Amino acid sequence: MRDPIPDIDAFEERAAIVEYDGGLSRSRAEDVAAQAQGFHDADHYWQVLADYVVTRRLK
């Protein structure tokens, strides 16, 4: 199965909203933002984004 396409603008916006409005830590807010895009957690999101920047393609 192919990883979803990371959307950095949506990720940052969602994480900020969840952190501020939801009172979550930044780390937990990033997990929520990543999951909203179909990733397992923020670590998975950042790894896919980094791989895409280096290889210019998704796995």
PDB file of N, CA and C in Angstrom:
ATOM      1  N   MET A   1       0.820  -1.179   0.000  1.00  0.00           N
ATOM      2  CA  MET A   1       0.000   0.000   0.000  1.00  0.00           C
ATOM      3  C   MET A   1       0.872   1.254   0.000  1.00  0.00           C
ATOM      4  N   ARG A   2       0.501   2.193  -0.794  1.00  0.00           N
ATOM      5  CA  ARG A   2       1.262   3.421  -0.929  1.00  0.00           C
ATOM      6  C   ARG A   2       0.957   4.377   0.227  1.00  0.00           C
ATOM      7  N   ASP A   3       1.998   5.061   0.718  1.00  0.00           N
ATOM      8  CA  ASP A   3       1.806   6.070   1.759  1.00  0.00           C
ATOM      9  C   ASP A   3       1.036   7.251   1.191  1.00  0.00           C
ATOM     10  N   PRO A   4       0.247   7.931   2.037  1.00  0.00           N
ATOM     11  CA  PRO A   4      -0.447   9.133   1.570  1.00  0.00           C
ATOM     12  C   PRO A   4       0.553  10.242   1.236  1.00  0.00           C
ATOM     13  N   ILE A   5       0.121  11.223   0.497  1.00  0.00           N
ATOM     14  CA  ILE A   5       0.971  12.363   0.156  1.00  0.00           C
ATOM     15  C   ILE A   5       0.960  13.340   1.326  1.00  0.00           C
ATOM     16  N   PRO A   6       2.131  13.664   1.887  1.00  0.00           N
ATOM     17  CA  PRO A   6       2.180  14.595   3.009  1.00  0.00           C
ATOM     18  C   PRO A   6       1.805  16.013   2.563  1.00  0.00           C
ATOM     19  N   ASP A   7       0.959  16.666   3.330  1.00  0.00           N
ATOM     20  CA  ASP A   7       0.572  18.055   3.081  1.00  0.00           C
ATOM     21  C   ASP A   7       1.053  18.870   4.280  1.00  0.00           C
ATOM     22  N   ILE A   8       2.222  19.515   4.123  1.00  0.00           N
ATOM     23  CA  ILE A   8       2.858  20.203   5.241  1.00  0.00           C
ATOM     24  C   ILE A   8       2.020  21.359   5.762  1.00  0.00           C
ATOM     25  N   ASP A   9       1.360  22.106   4.874  1.00  0.00           N
ATOM     26  CA  ASP A   9       0.540  23.233   5.325  1.00  0.00           C
ATOM     27  C   ASP A   9      -0.627  22.749   6.178  1.00  0.00           C
ATOM     28  N   ALA A  10      -1.316  21.724   5.711  1.00  0.00           N
ATOM     29  CA  ALA A  10      -2.442  21.178   6.466  1.00  0.00           C
ATOM     30  C   ALA A  10      -1.961  20.575   7.780  1.00  0.00           C
ATOM     31  N   PHE A  11      -0.820  19.906   7.745  1.00  0.00           N
ATOM     32  CA  PHE A  11      -0.261  19.300   8.952  1.00  0.00           C
ATOM     33  C   PHE A  11       0.036  20.354  10.008  1.00  0.00           C
ATOM     34  N   GLU A  12       0.755  21.404   9.619  1.00  0.00           N
ATOM     35  CA  GLU A  12       1.130  22.453  10.571  1.00  0.00           C
ATOM     36  C   GLU A  12      -0.096  23.177  11.116  1.00  0.00           C
ATOM     37  N   GLU A  13      -1.062  23.462  10.247  1.00  0.00           N
ATOM     38  CA  GLU A  13      -2.268  24.145  10.689  1.00  0.00           C
ATOM     39  C   GLU A  13      -3.068  23.284  11.669  1.00  0.00           C
ATOM     40  N   ARG A  14      -3.268  22.015  11.310  1.00  0.00           N
ATOM     41  CA  ARG A  14      -4.030  21.119  12.183  1.00  0.00           C
ATOM     42  C   ARG A  14      -3.334  20.942  13.529  1.00  0.00           C
ATOM     43  N   ALA A  15      -2.015  20.764  13.505  1.00  0.00           N
ATOM     44  CA  ALA A  15      -1.276  20.584  14.755  1.00  0.00           C
ATOM     45  C   ALA A  15      -1.400  21.820  15.647  1.00  0.00           C
ATOM     46  N   ALA A  16      -1.305  22.999  15.067  1.00  0.00           N
ATOM     47  CA  ALA A  16      -1.417  24.234  15.844  1.00  0.00           C
ATOM     48  C   ALA A  16      -2.807  24.377  16.462  1.00  0.00           C
ATOM     49  N   ILE A  17      -3.831  24.075  15.677  1.00  0.00           N
ATOM     50  CA  ILE A  17      -5.200  24.174  16.175  1.00  0.00           C
ATOM     51  C   ILE A  17      -5.440  23.181  17.306  1.00  0.00           C
ATOM     52  N   VAL A  18      -5.024  21.950  17.091  1.00  0.00           N
ATOM     53  CA  VAL A  18      -5.226  20.917  18.114  1.00  0.00           C
ATOM     54  C   VAL A  18      -4.441  21.244  19.383  1.00  0.00           C
ATOM     55  N   GLU A  19      -3.227  21.746  19.216  1.00  0.00           N
ATOM     56  CA  GLU A  19      -2.412  22.106  20.380  1.00  0.00           C
ATOM     57  C   GLU A  19      -3.073  23.251  21.150  1.00  0.00           C
ATOM     58  N   TYR A  20      -3.478  24.288  20.450  1.00  0.00           N
ATOM     59  CA  TYR A  20      -4.039  25.466  21.111  1.00  0.00           C
ATOM     60  C   TYR A  20      -5.456  25.225  21.631  1.00  0.00           C
ATOM     61  N   ASP A  21      -6.336  24.799  20.748  1.00  0.00           N
ATOM     62  CA  ASP A  21      -7.739  24.622  21.133  1.00  0.00           C
ATOM     63  C   ASP A  21      -7.963  23.377  21.986  1.00  0.00           C
ATOM     64  N   GLY A  22      -7.204  22.338  21.712  1.00  0.00           N
ATOM     65  CA  GLY A  22      -7.409  21.086  22.431  1.00  0.00           C
ATOM     66  C   GLY A  22      -6.574  20.942  23.676  1.00  0.00           C
ATOM     67  N   GLY A  23      -5.583  21.830  23.831  1.00  0.00           N
ATOM     68  CA  GLY A  23      -4.745  21.781  25.012  1.00  0.00           C
ATOM     69  C   GLY A  23      -3.777  20.606  25.038  1.00  0.00           C
ATOM     70  N   LEU A  24      -3.501  20.037  23.874  1.00  0.00           N
ATOM     71  CA  LEU A  24      -2.575  18.906  23.811  1.00  0.00           C
ATOM     72  C   LEU A  24      -1.140  19.405  23.713  1.00  0.00           C
ATOM     73  N   SER A  25      -0.212  18.540  24.059  1.00  0.00           N
ATOM     74  CA  SER A  25       1.198  18.865  23.868  1.00  0.00           C
ATOM     75  C   SER A  25       1.464  18.949  22.365  1.00  0.00           C
ATOM     76  N   ARG A  26       2.542  19.609  21.985  1.00  0.00           N
ATOM     77  CA  ARG A  26       2.858  19.726  20.558  1.00  0.00           C
ATOM     78  C   ARG A  26       3.075  18.340  19.955  1.00  0.00           C
ATOM     79  N   SER A  27       3.750  17.485  20.678  1.00  0.00           N
ATOM     80  CA  SER A  27       4.013  16.137  20.180  1.00  0.00           C
ATOM     81  C   SER A  27       2.711  15.378  19.898  1.00  0.00           C
ATOM     82  N   ARG A  28       1.796  15.415  20.839  1.00  0.00           N
ATOM     83  CA  ARG A  28       0.500  14.724  20.656  1.00  0.00           C
ATOM     84  C   ARG A  28      -0.313  15.390  19.556  1.00  0.00           C
ATOM     85  N   ALA A  29      -0.262  16.718  19.473  1.00  0.00           N
ATOM     86  CA  ALA A  29      -0.982  17.444  18.425  1.00  0.00           C
ATOM     87  C   ALA A  29      -0.456  17.058  17.043  1.00  0.00           C
ATOM     88  N   GLU A  30       0.862  16.858  16.913  1.00  0.00           N
ATOM     89  CA  GLU A  30       1.431  16.429  15.633  1.00  0.00           C
ATOM     90  C   GLU A  30       0.995  15.011  15.290  1.00  0.00           C
ATOM     91  N   ASP A  31       0.879  14.150  16.287  1.00  0.00           N
ATOM     92  CA  ASP A  31       0.364  12.799  16.025  1.00  0.00           C
ATOM     93  C   ASP A  31      -1.062  12.869  15.476  1.00  0.00           C
ATOM     94  N   VAL A  32      -1.894  13.705  16.096  1.00  0.00           N
ATOM     95  CA  VAL A  32      -3.276  13.858  15.644  1.00  0.00           C
ATOM     96  C   VAL A  32      -3.307  14.404  14.214  1.00  0.00           C
ATOM     97  N   ALA A  33      -2.495  15.407  13.936  1.00  0.00           N
ATOM     98  CA  ALA A  33      -2.450  16.002  12.598  1.00  0.00           C
ATOM     99  C   ALA A  33      -1.987  14.983  11.558  1.00  0.00           C
ATOM    100  N   ALA A  34      -1.008  14.161  11.917  1.00  0.00           N
ATOM    101  CA  ALA A  34      -0.512  13.137  11.002  1.00  0.00           C
ATOM    102  C   ALA A  34      -1.587  12.084  10.747  1.00  0.00           C
ATOM    103  N   GLN A  35      -2.276  11.677  11.787  1.00  0.00           N
ATOM    104  CA  GLN A  35      -3.333  10.673  11.650  1.00  0.00           C
ATOM    105  C   GLN A  35      -4.476  11.198  10.800  1.00  0.00           C
ATOM    106  N   ALA A  36      -4.736  12.504  10.852  1.00  0.00           N
ATOM    107  CA  ALA A  36      -5.793  13.101  10.030  1.00  0.00           C
ATOM    108  C   ALA A  36      -5.477  12.979   8.541  1.00  0.00           C
ATOM    109  N   GLN A  37      -4.197  12.828   8.212  1.00  0.00           N
ATOM    110  CA  GLN A  37      -3.784  12.649   6.818  1.00  0.00           C
ATOM    111  C   GLN A  37      -3.566  11.186   6.448  1.00  0.00           C
ATOM    112  N   GLY A  38      -3.799  10.295   7.389  1.00  0.00           N
ATOM    113  CA  GLY A  38      -3.687   8.874   7.092  1.00  0.00           C
ATOM    114  C   GLY A  38      -2.368   8.232   7.482  1.00  0.00           C
ATOM    115  N   PHE A  39      -1.539   8.941   8.232  1.00  0.00           N
ATOM    116  CA  PHE A  39      -0.274   8.389   8.706  1.00  0.00           C
ATOM    117  C   PHE A  39      -0.483   7.761  10.085  1.00  0.00           C
ATOM    118  N   HIS A  40       0.440   6.891  10.501  1.00  0.00           N
ATOM    119  CA  HIS A  40       0.332   6.222  11.799  1.00  0.00           C
ATOM    120  C   HIS A  40       0.497   7.225  12.935  1.00  0.00           C
ATOM    121  N   ASP A  41       1.508   8.093  12.801  1.00  0.00           N
ATOM    122  CA  ASP A  41       1.813   9.104  13.805  1.00  0.00           C
ATOM    123  C   ASP A  41       2.740  10.135  13.169  1.00  0.00           C
ATOM    124  N   ALA A  42       3.183  11.110  13.965  1.00  0.00           N
ATOM    125  CA  ALA A  42       4.034  12.172  13.429  1.00  0.00           C
ATOM    126  C   ALA A  42       5.366  11.629  12.918  1.00  0.00           C
ATOM    127  N   ASP A  43       5.927  10.640  13.593  1.00  0.00           N
ATOM    128  CA  ASP A  43       7.204  10.074  13.123  1.00  0.00           C
ATOM    129  C   ASP A  43       7.057   9.492  11.722  1.00  0.00           C
ATOM    130  N   HIS A  44       5.972   8.781  11.488  1.00  0.00           N
ATOM    131  CA  HIS A  44       5.714   8.205  10.166  1.00  0.00           C
ATOM    132  C   HIS A  44       5.537   9.324   9.132  1.00  0.00           C
ATOM    133  N   TYR A  45       4.783  10.352   9.494  1.00  0.00           N
ATOM    134  CA  TYR A  45       4.574  11.497   8.600  1.00  0.00           C
ATOM    135  C   TYR A  45       5.912  12.113   8.189  1.00  0.00           C
ATOM    136  N   TRP A  46       6.755  12.436   9.190  1.00  0.00           N
ATOM    137  CA  TRP A  46       8.029  13.085   8.900  1.00  0.00           C
ATOM    138  C   TRP A  46       8.964  12.180   8.097  1.00  0.00           C
ATOM    139  N   GLN A  47       8.919  10.877   8.337  1.00  0.00           N
ATOM    140  CA  GLN A  47       9.770   9.961   7.572  1.00  0.00           C
ATOM    141  C   GLN A  47       9.347   9.919   6.104  1.00  0.00           C
ATOM    142  N   VAL A  48       8.050   9.844   5.853  1.00  0.00           N
ATOM    143  CA  VAL A  48       7.554   9.830   4.469  1.00  0.00           C
ATOM    144  C   VAL A  48       7.902  11.149   3.788  1.00  0.00           C
ATOM    145  N   LEU A  49       7.735  12.259   4.484  1.00  0.00           N
ATOM    146  CA  LEU A  49       8.057  13.559   3.901  1.00  0.00           C
ATOM    147  C   LEU A  49       9.547  13.656   3.586  1.00  0.00           C
ATOM    148  N   ALA A  50      10.393  13.215   4.508  1.00  0.00           N
ATOM    149  CA  ALA A  50      11.844  13.242   4.279  1.00  0.00           C
ATOM    150  C   ALA A  50      12.234  12.364   3.097  1.00  0.00           C
ATOM    151  N   ASP A  51      11.671  11.167   3.026  1.00  0.00           N
ATOM    152  CA  ASP A  51      11.960  10.272   1.907  1.00  0.00           C
ATOM    153  C   ASP A  51      11.528  10.904   0.587  1.00  0.00           C
ATOM    154  N   TYR A  52      10.369  11.555   0.598  1.00  0.00           N
ATOM    155  CA  TYR A  52       9.866  12.199  -0.616  1.00  0.00           C
ATOM    156  C   TYR A  52      10.786  13.343  -1.056  1.00  0.00           C
ATOM    157  N   VAL A  53      11.281  14.121  -0.107  1.00  0.00           N
ATOM    158  CA  VAL A  53      12.173  15.231  -0.439  1.00  0.00           C
ATOM    159  C   VAL A  53      13.456  14.696  -1.079  1.00  0.00           C
ATOM    160  N   VAL A  54      13.965  13.600  -0.573  1.00  0.00           N
ATOM    161  CA  VAL A  54      15.215  13.037  -1.080  1.00  0.00           C
ATOM    162  C   VAL A  54      15.013  12.332  -2.425  1.00  0.00           C
ATOM    163  N   THR A  55      13.967  11.529  -2.540  1.00  0.00           N
ATOM    164  CA  THR A  55      13.796  10.699  -3.740  1.00  0.00           C
ATOM    165  C   THR A  55      12.826  11.290  -4.768  1.00  0.00           C
ATOM    166  N   ARG A  56      12.013  12.280  -4.334  1.00  0.00           N
ATOM    167  CA  ARG A  56      10.997  12.925  -5.171  1.00  0.00           C
ATOM    168  C   ARG A  56       9.930  11.959  -5.642  1.00  0.00           C
ATOM    169  N   ARG A  57       9.708  10.906  -4.841  1.00  0.00           N
ATOM    170  CA  ARG A  57       8.604   9.975  -5.129  1.00  0.00           C
ATOM    171  C   ARG A  57       8.179   9.304  -3.839  1.00  0.00           C
ATOM    172  N   LEU A  58       6.959   8.808  -3.858  1.00  0.00           N
ATOM    173  CA  LEU A  58       6.425   8.092  -2.699  1.00  0.00           C
ATOM    174  C   LEU A  58       6.634   6.619  -2.869  1.00  0.00           C
ATOM    175  N   LYS A  59       6.756   5.904  -1.769  1.00  0.00           N
ATOM    176  CA  LYS A  59       6.927   4.440  -1.815  1.00  0.00           C
ATOM    177  C   LYS A  59       5.607   3.778  -2.042  1.00  0.00           C
TER     178      LYS A  59
END
